[in-house]
Amino acid sequence: MWNSFQTDAYSGMLAETVAIPGRGNVPIHAYWSRPLGVGSAPSLVLIPHMPGWDEWCRETARRFTEHGYAVLCPNIYEEVGHGTPSEVAQKSMDRGGVPDDDVMGDVAASLSFLRAQPTSNGKVGVIGMCSGGRHTFLAACTVPGIDAAVDCWGGGVVCPPEQLTPARPVAPIDYAEDLQCPLLGIFGNEDWNPSKEDVDVLEARLRELGKEYEFHRYDGATHGIWYYHRPLYRQGPAMDSFDKTLEFLDRHLK
């Protein structure tokens, strides 16, 4: 849990950008942080959010590495070219977003990369925020080999037909029957996407299917509970849900 380390314990990490084989074995960039001085470690794929493959994602990767996780954050926007995170995100939006199938291919490649590392304990989870939360739910239903998934305020999991696009042709909730691993959800009750009603629909579907899940929903919080660089940040819900996320991941991956 947060701030629970022993003061005489060794702490160290290595964090860098690397090239990995992505979907179709095409090289993509990824940000990879991993703890030093451990015999083996669980792993996480951190799927970037729509603000882009940005500094917040890199800081978040290192934050989880501080708690014992090797984290790989793939650049799912690779094919649109390079620039600042906001420039690349805008290029992606102008093209209608990254197709779901492409993102799932990068997630599958990231899982393979992490499991192939000599320090892997064989367990890999997936986590994402905003659009990355949506991709996390989709991956947990369609990409084999995920051991745990954390959907942080993923909008569009519940999606009416008129909002489907060529890049997003199927609402992720339609794959809920195929959910293959334990799922944790973090949501703000004043969020607009997903709305409180959307989360109600998703929870009812998971309960109907008998899936293993737990949702934590926070009053007074909107979208982006953890975004300490934006006014959306909510200190109480952020720290409570971060601790709950660590407990969930530790239980299923360590």
Protein backbone atom coordinates (compact mmCIF):
# COMPACT_ATOMS: atom_id res chain seq x y z
CA MET A 1 0.00 0.00 0.00
CA TRP A 2 0.98 3.66 -0.25
CA ASN A 3 3.85 4.70 2.02
CA SER A 4 4.14 1.25 3.57
CA PHE A 5 7.75 0.50 2.63
CA GLN A 6 10.41 -0.34 5.22
CA THR A 7 12.89 2.50 5.56
CA ASP A 8 15.89 0.16 5.43
CA ALA A 9 14.72 -1.59 2.25
CA TYR A 10 16.55 -1.17 -1.05
CA SER A 11 14.69 0.81 -3.70
CA GLY A 12 15.75 1.24 -7.31
CA MET A 13 14.37 1.21 -10.82
CA LEU A 14 15.32 1.50 -14.46
CA ALA A 15 13.02 3.46 -16.77
CA GLU A 16 13.56 4.11 -20.46
CA THR A 17 12.00 4.26 -23.90
CA VAL A 18 12.53 1.09 -25.92
CA ALA A 19 11.42 -0.36 -29.24
CA ILE A 20 9.30 -3.52 -29.13
CA PRO A 21 7.52 -5.57 -31.80
CA GLY A 22 3.97 -4.22 -31.88
CA ARG A 23 0.92 -5.38 -33.81
CA GLY A 24 1.90 -7.32 -36.88
CA ASN A 25 5.47 -7.41 -35.56
CA VAL A 26 5.94 -3.76 -36.60
CA PRO A 27 8.30 -1.95 -34.17
CA ILE A 28 6.72 0.64 -31.88
CA HIS A 29 8.08 2.75 -29.07
CA ALA A 30 7.20 1.92 -25.48
CA TYR A 31 8.06 3.32 -22.07
CA TRP A 32 9.38 0.56 -19.81
CA SER A 33 10.00 0.91 -16.09
CA ARG A 34 11.01 -1.99 -13.86
CA PRO A 35 12.26 -2.46 -10.33
CA LEU A 36 15.87 -3.32 -9.59
CA GLY A 37 17.10 -5.69 -6.92
CA VAL A 38 14.20 -8.15 -7.13
CA GLY A 39 14.30 -11.79 -8.12
CA SER A 40 11.04 -11.70 -10.03
CA ALA A 41 8.22 -9.20 -10.46
CA PRO A 42 4.67 -9.03 -11.76
CA SER A 43 4.04 -6.89 -14.82
CA LEU A 44 1.51 -4.33 -16.05
CA VAL A 45 0.59 -3.04 -19.49
CA LEU A 46 -0.42 0.60 -19.06
CA ILE A 47 -2.58 1.62 -22.03
CA PRO A 48 -2.25 5.37 -22.76
CA HIS A 49 -5.28 7.64 -22.55
CA MET A 50 -6.54 10.02 -25.24
CA PRO A 51 -4.39 12.94 -24.04
CA GLY A 52 -1.66 10.80 -25.58
CA TRP A 53 1.46 8.81 -24.77
CA ASP A 54 2.35 11.56 -22.35
CA GLU A 55 4.39 12.53 -19.32
CA TRP A 56 1.57 11.61 -16.95
CA CYS A 57 1.59 8.04 -18.29
CA ARG A 58 5.35 7.83 -17.76
CA GLU A 59 5.09 9.14 -14.21
CA THR A 60 2.27 6.67 -13.51
CA ALA A 61 4.38 3.80 -14.85
CA ARG A 62 7.16 4.73 -12.45
CA ARG A 63 4.68 5.05 -9.59
CA PHE A 64 3.60 1.45 -10.03
CA THR A 65 7.22 0.38 -10.39
CA GLU A 66 7.87 1.91 -6.96
CA HIS A 67 5.40 -0.69 -5.73
CA GLY A 68 7.13 -3.63 -7.37
CA TYR A 69 5.71 -3.78 -10.91
CA ALA A 70 7.46 -3.90 -14.26
CA VAL A 71 5.32 -1.56 -16.39
CA LEU A 72 5.23 -1.24 -20.16
CA CYS A 73 3.34 1.67 -21.72
CA PRO A 74 3.18 1.15 -25.51
CA ASN A 75 2.82 4.05 -27.92
CA ILE A 76 -0.49 3.03 -29.46
CA TYR A 77 -0.36 6.21 -31.59
CA GLU A 78 2.86 5.22 -33.36
CA GLU A 79 1.40 5.05 -36.85
CA VAL A 80 0.29 8.70 -36.89
CA GLY A 81 3.86 9.93 -36.51
CA HIS A 82 5.72 11.85 -33.84
CA GLY A 83 5.67 15.23 -32.13
CA THR A 84 4.64 16.39 -28.69
CA PRO A 85 2.03 14.21 -26.96
CA SER A 86 -0.73 16.75 -27.62
CA GLU A 87 0.24 17.09 -31.29
CA VAL A 88 0.21 13.33 -31.79
CA ALA A 89 -3.11 12.98 -29.95
CA GLN A 90 -4.63 15.62 -32.22
CA LYS A 91 -3.35 13.81 -35.31
CA SER A 92 -4.98 10.63 -34.05
CA MET A 93 -8.30 12.35 -33.37
CA ASP A 94 -8.23 13.93 -36.84
CA ARG A 95 -8.01 10.41 -38.27
CA GLY A 96 -10.91 9.13 -36.19
CA GLY A 97 -8.81 7.54 -33.44
CA VAL A 98 -6.73 4.38 -33.31
CA PRO A 99 -8.72 1.32 -34.44
CA ASP A 100 -9.60 -1.04 -31.61
CA ASP A 101 -8.05 -4.00 -33.42
CA ASP A 102 -4.72 -2.14 -33.66
CA VAL A 103 -4.69 -1.30 -29.96
CA MET A 104 -5.52 -4.89 -29.05
CA GLY A 105 -2.61 -6.01 -31.23
CA ASP A 106 -0.23 -3.70 -29.36
CA VAL A 107 -1.58 -4.94 -26.01
CA ALA A 108 -1.05 -8.57 -27.02
CA ALA A 109 2.50 -7.75 -28.16
CA SER A 110 3.17 -5.95 -24.86
CA LEU A 111 1.99 -8.98 -22.89
CA SER A 112 4.38 -11.19 -24.83
CA PHE A 113 7.27 -8.78 -24.31
CA LEU A 114 6.73 -8.61 -20.55
CA ARG A 115 6.32 -12.36 -20.06
CA ALA A 116 9.53 -12.99 -22.01
CA GLN A 117 11.63 -11.00 -19.53
CA PRO A 118 13.83 -13.13 -17.23
CA THR A 119 12.58 -11.27 -14.14
CA SER A 120 8.88 -11.83 -14.92
CA ASN A 121 6.91 -13.89 -12.41
CA GLY A 122 4.59 -14.89 -15.27
CA LYS A 123 1.67 -12.69 -14.19
CA VAL A 124 0.62 -9.68 -16.29
CA GLY A 125 -2.20 -7.22 -15.70
CA VAL A 126 -3.61 -4.42 -17.83
CA ILE A 127 -4.59 -0.95 -16.64
CA GLY A 128 -5.83 2.17 -18.40
CA MET A 129 -7.54 5.49 -17.81
CA CYS A 130 -10.18 7.31 -19.89
CA SER A 131 -10.00 5.81 -23.41
CA GLY A 132 -7.29 3.53 -22.01
CA GLY A 133 -9.85 2.28 -19.49
CA ARG A 134 -12.18 1.42 -22.35
CA HIS A 135 -9.32 -0.36 -24.11
CA THR A 136 -8.52 -2.19 -20.86
CA PHE A 137 -12.04 -3.61 -20.64
CA LEU A 138 -11.92 -4.57 -24.31
CA ALA A 139 -8.54 -6.27 -23.85
CA ALA A 140 -9.74 -8.16 -20.78
CA CYS A 141 -12.50 -9.63 -22.94
CA THR A 142 -10.64 -10.25 -26.21
CA VAL A 143 -6.88 -10.61 -25.61
CA PRO A 144 -5.82 -13.99 -24.17
CA GLY A 145 -3.51 -14.26 -21.20
CA ILE A 146 -4.44 -11.26 -19.01
CA ASP A 147 -4.43 -12.09 -15.29
CA ALA A 148 -6.15 -8.93 -13.93
CA ALA A 149 -7.54 -5.69 -15.37
CA VAL A 150 -8.16 -2.20 -13.95
CA ASP A 151 -10.57 0.11 -15.79
CA CYS A 152 -10.15 3.66 -14.53
CA TRP A 153 -13.13 5.78 -15.66
CA GLY A 154 -13.18 4.19 -19.11
CA GLY A 155 -15.76 5.99 -21.22
CA GLY A 156 -17.57 4.31 -24.10
CA VAL A 157 -17.66 0.78 -22.70
CA VAL A 158 -21.43 1.25 -22.79
CA CYS A 159 -22.05 2.83 -26.19
CA PRO A 160 -25.27 3.31 -28.20
CA PRO A 161 -25.18 2.17 -31.84
CA GLU A 162 -25.22 5.70 -33.20
CA GLN A 163 -21.88 6.44 -31.50
CA LEU A 164 -20.03 3.49 -33.04
CA THR A 165 -17.37 4.35 -35.62
CA PRO A 166 -15.16 2.48 -38.11
CA ALA A 167 -12.35 2.61 -35.53
CA ARG A 168 -14.68 1.50 -32.74
CA PRO A 169 -17.22 -0.76 -34.45
CA VAL A 170 -18.42 -2.71 -31.39
CA ALA A 171 -19.40 -1.53 -27.91
CA PRO A 172 -17.02 -3.26 -25.45
CA ILE A 173 -19.93 -4.26 -23.20
CA ASP A 174 -21.04 -6.57 -26.01
CA TYR A 175 -17.93 -8.67 -25.25
CA ALA A 176 -18.66 -8.85 -21.51
CA GLU A 177 -19.54 -12.54 -21.68
CA ASP A 178 -15.92 -13.20 -22.67
CA LEU A 179 -14.35 -11.34 -19.73
CA GLN A 180 -11.52 -13.69 -18.75
CA CYS A 181 -9.99 -12.19 -15.61
CA PRO A 182 -10.85 -10.29 -12.43
CA LEU A 183 -11.83 -6.68 -13.14
CA LEU A 184 -11.48 -3.61 -10.93
CA GLY A 185 -13.36 -0.42 -11.84
CA ILE A 186 -12.68 3.11 -10.52
CA PHE A 187 -15.39 5.69 -11.28
CA GLY A 188 -16.56 9.15 -10.29
CA ASN A 189 -20.30 9.48 -9.71
CA GLU A 190 -20.32 12.93 -11.33
CA ASP A 191 -18.47 11.77 -14.45
CA TRP A 192 -20.09 12.39 -17.83
CA ASN A 193 -18.37 9.56 -19.74
CA PRO A 194 -18.91 7.07 -18.31
CA SER A 195 -21.99 8.46 -16.63
CA LYS A 196 -23.30 6.99 -13.41
CA GLU A 197 -26.01 5.35 -15.48
CA ASP A 198 -23.43 3.80 -17.82
CA VAL A 199 -21.62 2.26 -14.86
CA ASP A 200 -24.94 0.95 -13.54
CA VAL A 201 -25.57 -0.79 -16.88
CA LEU A 202 -22.08 -2.31 -16.96
CA GLU A 203 -22.27 -3.52 -13.38
CA ALA A 204 -25.69 -5.08 -13.95
CA ARG A 205 -24.35 -6.94 -16.99
CA LEU A 206 -21.30 -8.27 -15.14
CA ARG A 207 -23.46 -9.36 -12.23
CA GLU A 208 -25.87 -11.09 -14.60
CA LEU A 209 -22.97 -13.00 -16.17
CA GLY A 210 -21.47 -13.95 -12.80
CA LYS A 211 -18.14 -12.28 -13.56
CA GLU A 212 -15.50 -11.55 -10.92
CA TYR A 213 -15.39 -7.77 -10.53
CA GLU A 214 -15.34 -4.98 -7.98
CA PHE A 215 -16.30 -1.36 -8.62
CA HIS A 216 -15.45 1.63 -6.44
CA ARG A 217 -17.53 4.72 -7.12
CA TYR A 218 -16.85 8.13 -5.60
CA ASP A 219 -19.22 10.98 -4.85
CA GLY A 220 -17.87 14.44 -5.67
CA ALA A 221 -15.55 13.07 -8.36
CA THR A 222 -15.90 13.49 -12.09
CA HIS A 223 -13.53 12.25 -14.81
CA GLY A 224 -9.81 11.79 -14.22
CA ILE A 225 -9.70 11.27 -10.45
CA TRP A 226 -5.91 10.67 -10.50
CA TYR A 227 -4.96 13.55 -12.83
CA TYR A 228 -2.99 15.67 -10.38
CA HIS A 229 -1.96 17.97 -13.24
CA ARG A 230 -5.57 18.97 -13.94
CA PRO A 231 -8.47 20.49 -11.93
CA LEU A 232 -10.22 17.11 -12.15
CA TYR A 233 -7.97 15.74 -9.39
CA ARG A 234 -9.74 14.68 -6.19
CA GLN A 235 -7.25 13.99 -3.42
CA GLY A 236 -9.41 11.80 -1.17
CA PRO A 237 -10.86 9.55 -3.90
CA ALA A 238 -7.49 9.48 -5.70
CA MET A 239 -5.54 8.12 -2.76
CA ASP A 240 -8.28 5.75 -1.64
CA SER A 241 -8.69 4.28 -5.14
CA PHE A 242 -4.93 4.05 -5.69
CA ASP A 243 -4.60 1.98 -2.52
CA LYS A 244 -7.52 -0.20 -3.62
CA THR A 245 -5.83 -0.66 -7.00
CA LEU A 246 -2.57 -1.74 -5.40
CA GLU A 247 -4.39 -4.18 -3.13
CA PHE A 248 -6.28 -5.65 -6.09
CA LEU A 249 -3.17 -6.01 -8.25
CA ASP A 250 -1.10 -7.45 -5.42
CA ARG A 251 -3.81 -10.02 -4.71
CA HIS A 252 -4.00 -11.24 -8.30
CA LEU A 253 -0.48 -10.71 -9.65
CA LYS A 254 2.00 -11.10 -6.79
